[in-house]
Amino acid sequence: MENKEIIIDVLTVANILSMAGKELLCNVVENYNVNQNEYYLLRYLEKNPGEIQYNFLKFTTLTKSRINQIVSKLEKMGYLEKKSEMTGGLLKKPLYLTKLGEMVVKEGVEKIYDNTIKNFNEKEIFQYETYRNEMVEILTNMKLIFGIRTPKYLEEK
């Protein structure tokens, strides 16, 4: 198989996995009146508590305006909170999950786990981990092309 065919195959598999992930998340997020992007922001904050919303832009294709809308909605729903703090003479507003936000993320992770990896045997887990690490490497290399960073927590496995 030629290299150009490999990347198309990788992107096709990534798209299929993305669609499957969306379907798995659908049941969770509709219970809490959030969409996929909102859930991903909550998940990101679980891994990066105290992050400012500007930094979330680096990991998505969402606009600053859309991120502001998402943060505002999640704050009103009680899933996250903004805290004001002075850092070097600048006012920063880091974001933190609330207990309710933590519950939404946990339920999402559990539901996806219960419908996927929980049912894997040892060989399938090894294959998953190998594939996952290769996908993170591909995404990390592609970030230069698209300007989107891979979240550090994905790279740290």
N, C-alpha and C. Protein backbone atom coordinates (compact mmCIF):
# COMPACT_ATOMS: atom_id res chain seq x y z
N MET A 1 0.85 -1.18 0.00
CA MET A 1 0.00 0.00 0.00
C MET A 1 0.90 1.24 0.00
N GLU A 2 0.56 2.21 -0.83
CA GLU A 2 1.34 3.44 -0.90
C GLU A 2 1.06 4.33 0.31
N ASN A 3 2.04 5.19 0.62
CA ASN A 3 1.90 6.10 1.76
C ASN A 3 0.66 6.96 1.67
N LYS A 4 0.35 7.44 0.46
CA LYS A 4 -0.83 8.31 0.34
C LYS A 4 -2.11 7.55 0.62
N GLU A 5 -2.13 6.25 0.35
CA GLU A 5 -3.31 5.44 0.67
C GLU A 5 -3.40 5.19 2.18
N ILE A 6 -2.26 5.07 2.83
CA ILE A 6 -2.24 4.82 4.27
C ILE A 6 -2.90 5.98 5.00
N ILE A 7 -2.55 7.21 4.65
CA ILE A 7 -3.12 8.35 5.37
C ILE A 7 -4.62 8.44 5.15
N ILE A 8 -5.09 8.13 3.96
CA ILE A 8 -6.54 8.13 3.70
C ILE A 8 -7.21 7.05 4.55
N ASP A 9 -6.59 5.89 4.64
CA ASP A 9 -7.13 4.82 5.48
C ASP A 9 -7.16 5.23 6.95
N VAL A 10 -6.09 5.86 7.41
CA VAL A 10 -6.03 6.32 8.80
C VAL A 10 -7.14 7.33 9.06
N LEU A 11 -7.31 8.28 8.16
CA LEU A 11 -8.35 9.29 8.33
C LEU A 11 -9.74 8.67 8.26
N THR A 12 -9.92 7.67 7.43
CA THR A 12 -11.21 6.98 7.34
C THR A 12 -11.52 6.28 8.66
N VAL A 13 -10.53 5.56 9.20
CA VAL A 13 -10.72 4.87 10.48
C VAL A 13 -10.99 5.89 11.58
N ALA A 14 -10.22 7.00 11.58
CA ALA A 14 -10.42 8.04 12.60
C ALA A 14 -11.83 8.61 12.50
N ASN A 15 -12.33 8.80 11.30
CA ASN A 15 -13.69 9.32 11.12
C ASN A 15 -14.73 8.32 11.63
N ILE A 16 -14.53 7.05 11.34
CA ILE A 16 -15.47 6.02 11.82
C ILE A 16 -15.45 5.97 13.35
N LEU A 17 -14.26 6.02 13.93
CA LEU A 17 -14.16 6.03 15.39
C LEU A 17 -14.82 7.27 15.97
N SER A 18 -14.66 8.39 15.29
CA SER A 18 -15.29 9.63 15.75
C SER A 18 -16.81 9.50 15.74
N MET A 19 -17.35 8.91 14.67
CA MET A 19 -18.80 8.72 14.60
C MET A 19 -19.28 7.76 15.69
N ALA A 20 -18.52 6.70 15.93
CA ALA A 20 -18.89 5.75 16.98
C ALA A 20 -18.83 6.42 18.35
N GLY A 21 -17.80 7.24 18.56
CA GLY A 21 -17.67 7.97 19.81
C GLY A 21 -18.82 8.93 20.02
N LYS A 22 -19.24 9.59 18.96
CA LYS A 22 -20.36 10.52 19.05
C LYS A 22 -21.63 9.77 19.45
N GLU A 23 -21.81 8.61 18.87
CA GLU A 23 -23.00 7.81 19.19
C GLU A 23 -22.99 7.37 20.65
N LEU A 24 -21.82 6.92 21.13
CA LEU A 24 -21.71 6.51 22.53
C LEU A 24 -21.95 7.69 23.47
N LEU A 25 -21.43 8.86 23.11
CA LEU A 25 -21.60 10.04 23.95
C LEU A 25 -23.03 10.56 23.93
N CYS A 26 -23.72 10.32 22.85
CA CYS A 26 -25.07 10.86 22.67
C CYS A 26 -25.97 10.55 23.86
N ASN A 27 -25.96 9.31 24.32
CA ASN A 27 -26.81 8.92 25.45
C ASN A 27 -26.45 9.66 26.72
N VAL A 28 -25.18 9.92 26.91
CA VAL A 28 -24.74 10.59 28.13
C VAL A 28 -25.08 12.07 28.06
N VAL A 29 -24.67 12.70 26.98
CA VAL A 29 -24.80 14.15 26.91
C VAL A 29 -26.25 14.61 26.88
N GLU A 30 -27.13 13.82 26.27
CA GLU A 30 -28.53 14.26 26.23
C GLU A 30 -29.16 14.24 27.62
N ASN A 31 -28.67 13.37 28.50
CA ASN A 31 -29.17 13.35 29.88
C ASN A 31 -28.82 14.63 30.64
N TYR A 32 -27.76 15.29 30.22
CA TYR A 32 -27.29 16.49 30.91
C TYR A 32 -27.45 17.75 30.07
N ASN A 33 -28.13 17.65 28.95
CA ASN A 33 -28.40 18.80 28.08
C ASN A 33 -27.12 19.50 27.60
N VAL A 34 -26.13 18.70 27.23
CA VAL A 34 -24.92 19.23 26.64
C VAL A 34 -24.66 18.51 25.32
N ASN A 35 -23.89 19.17 24.44
CA ASN A 35 -23.54 18.52 23.18
C ASN A 35 -22.11 17.98 23.27
N GLN A 36 -21.65 17.41 22.18
CA GLN A 36 -20.34 16.77 22.16
C GLN A 36 -19.22 17.77 22.46
N ASN A 37 -19.23 18.93 21.85
CA ASN A 37 -18.17 19.92 22.11
C ASN A 37 -18.17 20.37 23.56
N GLU A 38 -19.34 20.52 24.13
CA GLU A 38 -19.45 20.92 25.54
C GLU A 38 -18.89 19.81 26.45
N TYR A 39 -19.20 18.56 26.10
CA TYR A 39 -18.66 17.45 26.88
C TYR A 39 -17.14 17.42 26.79
N TYR A 40 -16.61 17.61 25.57
CA TYR A 40 -15.17 17.59 25.41
C TYR A 40 -14.48 18.69 26.21
N LEU A 41 -15.11 19.85 26.32
CA LEU A 41 -14.55 20.91 27.14
C LEU A 41 -14.52 20.48 28.61
N LEU A 42 -15.60 19.86 29.06
CA LEU A 42 -15.63 19.36 30.44
C LEU A 42 -14.53 18.31 30.67
N ARG A 43 -14.38 17.42 29.73
CA ARG A 43 -13.35 16.37 29.82
C ARG A 43 -11.96 17.00 29.84
N TYR A 44 -11.76 18.00 28.99
CA TYR A 44 -10.48 18.69 28.94
C TYR A 44 -10.18 19.35 30.29
N LEU A 45 -11.19 19.97 30.89
CA LEU A 45 -11.00 20.62 32.19
C LEU A 45 -10.75 19.60 33.30
N GLU A 46 -11.30 18.41 33.16
CA GLU A 46 -11.02 17.36 34.14
C GLU A 46 -9.51 17.07 34.14
N LYS A 47 -8.93 17.04 32.96
CA LYS A 47 -7.50 16.73 32.82
C LYS A 47 -6.62 17.96 33.05
N ASN A 48 -7.19 19.15 32.90
CA ASN A 48 -6.43 20.40 33.00
C ASN A 48 -7.17 21.41 33.86
N PRO A 49 -7.38 21.11 35.15
CA PRO A 49 -8.12 22.06 35.99
C PRO A 49 -7.38 23.39 36.08
N GLY A 50 -8.15 24.48 36.06
CA GLY A 50 -7.55 25.80 36.16
C GLY A 50 -7.10 26.37 34.82
N GLU A 51 -7.43 25.69 33.75
CA GLU A 51 -7.07 26.16 32.40
C GLU A 51 -7.92 27.36 32.04
N ILE A 52 -7.36 28.27 31.26
CA ILE A 52 -8.16 29.40 30.77
C ILE A 52 -8.77 29.01 29.43
N GLN A 53 -9.92 29.60 29.13
CA GLN A 53 -10.65 29.16 27.94
C GLN A 53 -9.90 29.42 26.65
N TYR A 54 -9.04 30.42 26.62
CA TYR A 54 -8.26 30.69 25.41
C TYR A 54 -7.44 29.47 25.00
N ASN A 55 -6.88 28.77 25.98
CA ASN A 55 -6.04 27.62 25.67
C ASN A 55 -6.82 26.46 25.06
N PHE A 56 -8.11 26.41 25.32
CA PHE A 56 -8.93 25.35 24.72
C PHE A 56 -9.00 25.52 23.20
N LEU A 57 -8.87 26.75 22.73
CA LEU A 57 -8.89 27.02 21.29
C LEU A 57 -7.79 26.26 20.55
N LYS A 58 -6.68 26.02 21.21
CA LYS A 58 -5.53 25.36 20.59
C LYS A 58 -5.81 23.91 20.23
N PHE A 59 -6.84 23.33 20.86
CA PHE A 59 -7.10 21.90 20.67
C PHE A 59 -8.39 21.63 19.89
N THR A 60 -8.99 22.68 19.36
CA THR A 60 -10.23 22.51 18.62
C THR A 60 -10.22 23.39 17.38
N THR A 61 -11.23 23.23 16.59
CA THR A 61 -11.43 24.12 15.44
C THR A 61 -12.54 25.12 15.74
N LEU A 62 -12.96 25.19 17.01
CA LEU A 62 -14.01 26.11 17.40
C LEU A 62 -13.48 27.53 17.46
N THR A 63 -14.37 28.49 17.25
CA THR A 63 -13.99 29.90 17.31
C THR A 63 -13.99 30.38 18.77
N LYS A 64 -13.35 31.51 18.99
CA LYS A 64 -13.32 32.10 20.32
C LYS A 64 -14.74 32.41 20.79
N SER A 65 -15.57 32.90 19.88
CA SER A 65 -16.96 33.21 20.20
C SER A 65 -17.72 31.96 20.64
N ARG A 66 -17.51 30.86 19.92
CA ARG A 66 -18.21 29.61 20.25
C ARG A 66 -17.73 29.07 21.60
N ILE A 67 -16.44 29.16 21.86
CA ILE A 67 -15.91 28.72 23.16
C ILE A 67 -16.53 29.56 24.27
N ASN A 68 -16.64 30.87 24.05
CA ASN A 68 -17.26 31.75 25.05
C ASN A 68 -18.70 31.33 25.33
N GLN A 69 -19.44 30.99 24.27
CA GLN A 69 -20.83 30.55 24.43
C GLN A 69 -20.90 29.25 25.23
N ILE A 70 -20.02 28.33 24.90
CA ILE A 70 -20.01 27.03 25.59
C ILE A 70 -19.69 27.22 27.07
N VAL A 71 -18.66 28.01 27.36
CA VAL A 71 -18.27 28.25 28.75
C VAL A 71 -19.42 28.90 29.51
N SER A 72 -20.06 29.88 28.89
CA SER A 72 -21.17 30.58 29.53
C SER A 72 -22.32 29.61 29.84
N LYS A 73 -22.66 28.76 28.87
CA LYS A 73 -23.75 27.79 29.07
C LYS A 73 -23.41 26.81 30.19
N LEU A 74 -22.20 26.26 30.16
CA LEU A 74 -21.80 25.28 31.16
C LEU A 74 -21.71 25.89 32.56
N GLU A 75 -21.33 27.16 32.61
CA GLU A 75 -21.28 27.85 33.89
C GLU A 75 -22.69 28.06 34.44
N LYS A 76 -23.62 28.46 33.58
CA LYS A 76 -25.01 28.66 34.01
C LYS A 76 -25.66 27.35 34.45
N MET A 77 -25.25 26.26 33.83
CA MET A 77 -25.82 24.95 34.18
C MET A 77 -25.18 24.37 35.44
N GLY A 78 -24.12 25.01 35.92
CA GLY A 78 -23.48 24.54 37.14
C GLY A 78 -22.45 23.45 36.92
N TYR A 79 -21.96 23.27 35.69
CA TYR A 79 -20.98 22.24 35.40
C TYR A 79 -19.55 22.72 35.55
N LEU A 80 -19.34 24.03 35.44
CA LEU A 80 -18.01 24.58 35.64
C LEU A 80 -18.13 25.94 36.29
N GLU A 81 -17.00 26.38 36.82
CA GLU A 81 -16.97 27.70 37.44
C GLU A 81 -15.70 28.42 37.04
N LYS A 82 -15.82 29.73 36.93
CA LYS A 82 -14.69 30.60 36.64
C LYS A 82 -14.27 31.25 37.94
N LYS A 83 -12.98 31.25 38.19
CA LYS A 83 -12.46 31.92 39.38
C LYS A 83 -11.53 33.03 38.90
N SER A 84 -11.66 34.20 39.48
CA SER A 84 -10.79 35.31 39.12
C SER A 84 -9.55 35.30 39.99
N GLU A 85 -8.39 35.48 39.36
CA GLU A 85 -7.15 35.57 40.11
C GLU A 85 -6.17 36.49 39.40
N MET A 86 -5.40 37.19 40.18
CA MET A 86 -4.39 38.09 39.63
C MET A 86 -3.09 37.31 39.47
N THR A 87 -2.52 37.38 38.26
CA THR A 87 -1.25 36.72 37.98
C THR A 87 -0.35 37.72 37.28
N GLY A 88 0.67 38.16 37.98
CA GLY A 88 1.60 39.12 37.40
C GLY A 88 0.93 40.40 36.94
N GLY A 89 -0.03 40.88 37.69
CA GLY A 89 -0.72 42.12 37.33
C GLY A 89 -1.84 41.94 36.33
N LEU A 90 -2.06 40.70 35.86
CA LEU A 90 -3.14 40.41 34.91
C LEU A 90 -4.25 39.64 35.61
N LEU A 91 -5.47 39.99 35.28
CA LEU A 91 -6.62 39.25 35.81
C LEU A 91 -6.88 38.05 34.91
N LYS A 92 -6.79 36.87 35.47
CA LYS A 92 -7.07 35.64 34.74
C LYS A 92 -8.30 34.99 35.33
N LYS A 93 -9.02 34.25 34.49
CA LYS A 93 -10.23 33.57 34.94
C LYS A 93 -10.13 32.08 34.59
N PRO A 94 -9.38 31.34 35.40
CA PRO A 94 -9.26 29.90 35.14
C PRO A 94 -10.59 29.19 35.36
N LEU A 95 -10.75 28.09 34.66
CA LEU A 95 -11.99 27.30 34.71
C LEU A 95 -11.76 26.02 35.51
N TYR A 96 -12.79 25.66 36.28
CA TYR A 96 -12.75 24.44 37.09
C TYR A 96 -14.09 23.73 36.98
N LEU A 97 -14.04 22.41 36.99
CA LEU A 97 -15.27 21.63 37.04
C LEU A 97 -15.90 21.74 38.42
N THR A 98 -17.21 21.75 38.47
CA THR A 98 -17.92 21.62 39.73
C THR A 98 -18.13 20.13 39.99
N LYS A 99 -18.70 19.78 41.12
CA LYS A 99 -19.00 18.37 41.40
C LYS A 99 -19.95 17.80 40.34
N LEU A 100 -20.92 18.62 39.93
CA LEU A 100 -21.87 18.18 38.90
C LEU A 100 -21.14 17.97 37.57
N GLY A 101 -20.23 18.86 37.22
CA GLY A 101 -19.43 18.71 36.00
C GLY A 101 -18.59 17.45 36.04
N GLU A 102 -18.00 17.17 37.20
CA GLU A 102 -17.21 15.95 37.37
C GLU A 102 -18.08 14.71 37.16
N MET A 103 -19.32 14.77 37.64
CA MET A 103 -20.24 13.64 37.50
C MET A 103 -20.57 13.40 36.01
N VAL A 104 -20.78 14.46 35.25
CA VAL A 104 -21.08 14.32 33.82
C VAL A 104 -19.92 13.65 33.11
N VAL A 105 -18.70 14.12 33.39
CA VAL A 105 -17.51 13.54 32.74
C VAL A 105 -17.36 12.08 33.13
N LYS A 106 -17.51 11.80 34.42
CA LYS A 106 -17.34 10.42 34.90
C LYS A 106 -18.35 9.48 34.25
N GLU A 107 -19.61 9.92 34.16
CA GLU A 107 -20.62 9.07 33.54
C GLU A 107 -20.30 8.82 32.07
N GLY A 108 -19.82 9.83 31.39
CA GLY A 108 -19.44 9.67 29.99
C GLY A 108 -18.33 8.67 29.82
N VAL A 109 -17.31 8.79 30.64
CA VAL A 109 -16.17 7.87 30.57
C VAL A 109 -16.63 6.44 30.88
N GLU A 110 -17.44 6.28 31.93
CA GLU A 110 -17.92 4.95 32.31
C GLU A 110 -18.77 4.32 31.22
N LYS A 111 -19.65 5.11 30.63
CA LYS A 111 -20.54 4.57 29.60
C LYS A 111 -19.75 4.12 28.38
N ILE A 112 -18.78 4.93 27.98
CA ILE A 112 -17.96 4.56 26.83
C ILE A 112 -17.12 3.32 27.16
N TYR A 113 -16.54 3.29 28.35
CA TYR A 113 -15.75 2.14 28.78
C TYR A 113 -16.60 0.87 28.78
N ASP A 114 -17.79 0.96 29.36
CA ASP A 114 -18.67 -0.20 29.45
C ASP A 114 -19.06 -0.75 28.07
N ASN A 115 -19.08 0.12 27.06
CA ASN A 115 -19.48 -0.31 25.73
C ASN A 115 -18.31 -0.58 24.79
N THR A 116 -17.08 -0.49 25.31
CA THR A 116 -15.93 -0.72 24.44
C THR A 116 -14.87 -1.56 25.15
N ILE A 117 -13.89 -0.91 25.72
CA ILE A 117 -12.69 -1.58 26.22
C ILE A 117 -12.99 -2.60 27.32
N LYS A 118 -14.03 -2.39 28.09
CA LYS A 118 -14.37 -3.34 29.15
C LYS A 118 -14.55 -4.75 28.59
N ASN A 119 -14.99 -4.83 27.35
CA ASN A 119 -15.26 -6.12 26.73
C ASN A 119 -14.07 -6.67 25.94
N PHE A 120 -12.94 -5.97 25.93
CA PHE A 120 -11.76 -6.42 25.19
C PHE A 120 -11.03 -7.51 25.96
N ASN A 121 -10.43 -8.44 25.20
CA ASN A 121 -9.51 -9.39 25.83
C ASN A 121 -8.11 -8.76 25.82
N GLU A 122 -7.12 -9.47 26.38
CA GLU A 122 -5.77 -8.91 26.51
C GLU A 122 -5.18 -8.52 25.16
N LYS A 123 -5.37 -9.37 24.16
CA LYS A 123 -4.83 -9.09 22.82
C LYS A 123 -5.47 -7.82 22.25
N GLU A 124 -6.77 -7.69 22.41
CA GLU A 124 -7.47 -6.51 21.88
C GLU A 124 -7.04 -5.24 22.62
N ILE A 125 -6.80 -5.34 23.92
CA ILE A 125 -6.33 -4.18 24.68
C ILE A 125 -4.95 -3.76 24.17
N PHE A 126 -4.07 -4.73 23.95
CA PHE A 126 -2.74 -4.42 23.41
C PHE A 126 -2.86 -3.76 22.04
N GLN A 127 -3.72 -4.31 21.18
CA GLN A 127 -3.91 -3.74 19.85
C GLN A 127 -4.48 -2.32 19.93
N TYR A 128 -5.42 -2.13 20.85
CA TYR A 128 -6.00 -0.79 21.04
C TYR A 128 -4.92 0.20 21.46
N GLU A 129 -4.12 -0.18 22.46
CA GLU A 129 -3.09 0.72 22.96
C GLU A 129 -2.07 1.05 21.88
N THR A 130 -1.70 0.06 21.07
CA THR A 130 -0.77 0.28 19.97
C THR A 130 -1.38 1.24 18.95
N TYR A 131 -2.63 0.98 18.57
CA TYR A 131 -3.31 1.84 17.60
C TYR A 131 -3.46 3.26 18.15
N ARG A 132 -3.85 3.36 19.41
CA ARG A 132 -4.04 4.67 20.04
C ARG A 132 -2.75 5.47 20.02
N ASN A 133 -1.65 4.84 20.41
CA ASN A 133 -0.36 5.53 20.44
C ASN A 133 0.06 5.97 19.04
N GLU A 134 -0.19 5.12 18.04
CA GLU A 134 0.14 5.49 16.66
C GLU A 134 -0.73 6.65 16.19
N MET A 135 -2.02 6.65 16.56
CA MET A 135 -2.91 7.74 16.16
C MET A 135 -2.48 9.06 16.81
N VAL A 136 -2.10 9.02 18.08
CA VAL A 136 -1.64 10.24 18.75
C VAL A 136 -0.39 10.76 18.06
N GLU A 137 0.52 9.86 17.67
CA GLU A 137 1.74 10.28 16.96
C GLU A 137 1.39 10.92 15.62
N ILE A 138 0.47 10.33 14.89
CA ILE A 138 0.05 10.90 13.60
C ILE A 138 -0.58 12.27 13.82
N LEU A 139 -1.47 12.36 14.81
CA LEU A 139 -2.11 13.64 15.09
C LEU A 139 -1.11 14.69 15.54
N THR A 140 -0.13 14.27 16.33
CA THR A 140 0.90 15.19 16.78
C THR A 140 1.69 15.72 15.59
N ASN A 141 2.00 14.86 14.64
CA ASN A 141 2.71 15.29 13.44
C ASN A 141 1.84 16.16 12.54
N MET A 142 0.54 15.88 12.50
CA MET A 142 -0.37 16.65 11.65
C MET A 142 -0.65 18.03 12.22
N LYS A 143 -0.38 18.24 13.50
CA LYS A 143 -0.68 19.53 14.10
C LYS A 143 0.05 20.66 13.40
N LEU A 144 1.21 20.36 12.86
CA LEU A 144 1.97 21.38 12.15
C LEU A 144 1.21 21.84 10.90
N ILE A 145 0.49 20.94 10.28
CA ILE A 145 -0.25 21.26 9.06
C ILE A 145 -1.51 22.05 9.39
N PHE A 146 -2.26 21.59 10.41
CA PHE A 146 -3.56 22.18 10.70
C PHE A 146 -3.53 23.21 11.83
N GLY A 147 -2.44 23.29 12.54
CA GLY A 147 -2.34 24.25 13.63
C GLY A 147 -3.12 23.87 14.87
N ILE A 148 -3.49 22.61 14.98
CA ILE A 148 -4.23 22.12 16.15
C ILE A 148 -3.29 21.25 16.97
N ARG A 149 -3.22 21.52 18.25
CA ARG A 149 -2.36 20.74 19.13
C ARG A 149 -3.08 19.52 19.66
N THR A 150 -2.29 18.52 19.97
CA THR A 150 -2.82 17.33 20.63
C THR A 150 -2.76 17.60 22.13
N PRO A 151 -3.86 17.46 22.86
CA PRO A 151 -3.81 17.68 24.31
C PRO A 151 -2.72 16.83 24.96
N LYS A 152 -1.99 17.42 25.90
CA LYS A 152 -0.87 16.74 26.55
C LYS A 152 -1.28 15.43 27.20
N TYR A 153 -2.50 15.36 27.76
CA TYR A 153 -2.90 14.14 28.44
C TYR A 153 -3.03 12.97 27.46
N LEU A 154 -3.25 13.24 26.18
CA LEU A 154 -3.28 12.17 25.19
C LEU A 154 -1.86 11.68 24.88
N GLU A 155 -0.91 12.60 24.90
CA GLU A 155 0.47 12.25 24.58
C GLU A 155 1.18 11.54 25.72
N GLU A 156 0.65 11.60 26.93
CA GLU A 156 1.34 11.10 28.12
C GLU A 156 1.08 9.63 28.43
N LYS A 157 0.63 8.87 27.52
CA LYS A 157 0.35 7.44 27.80
C LYS A 157 1.55 6.59 27.47
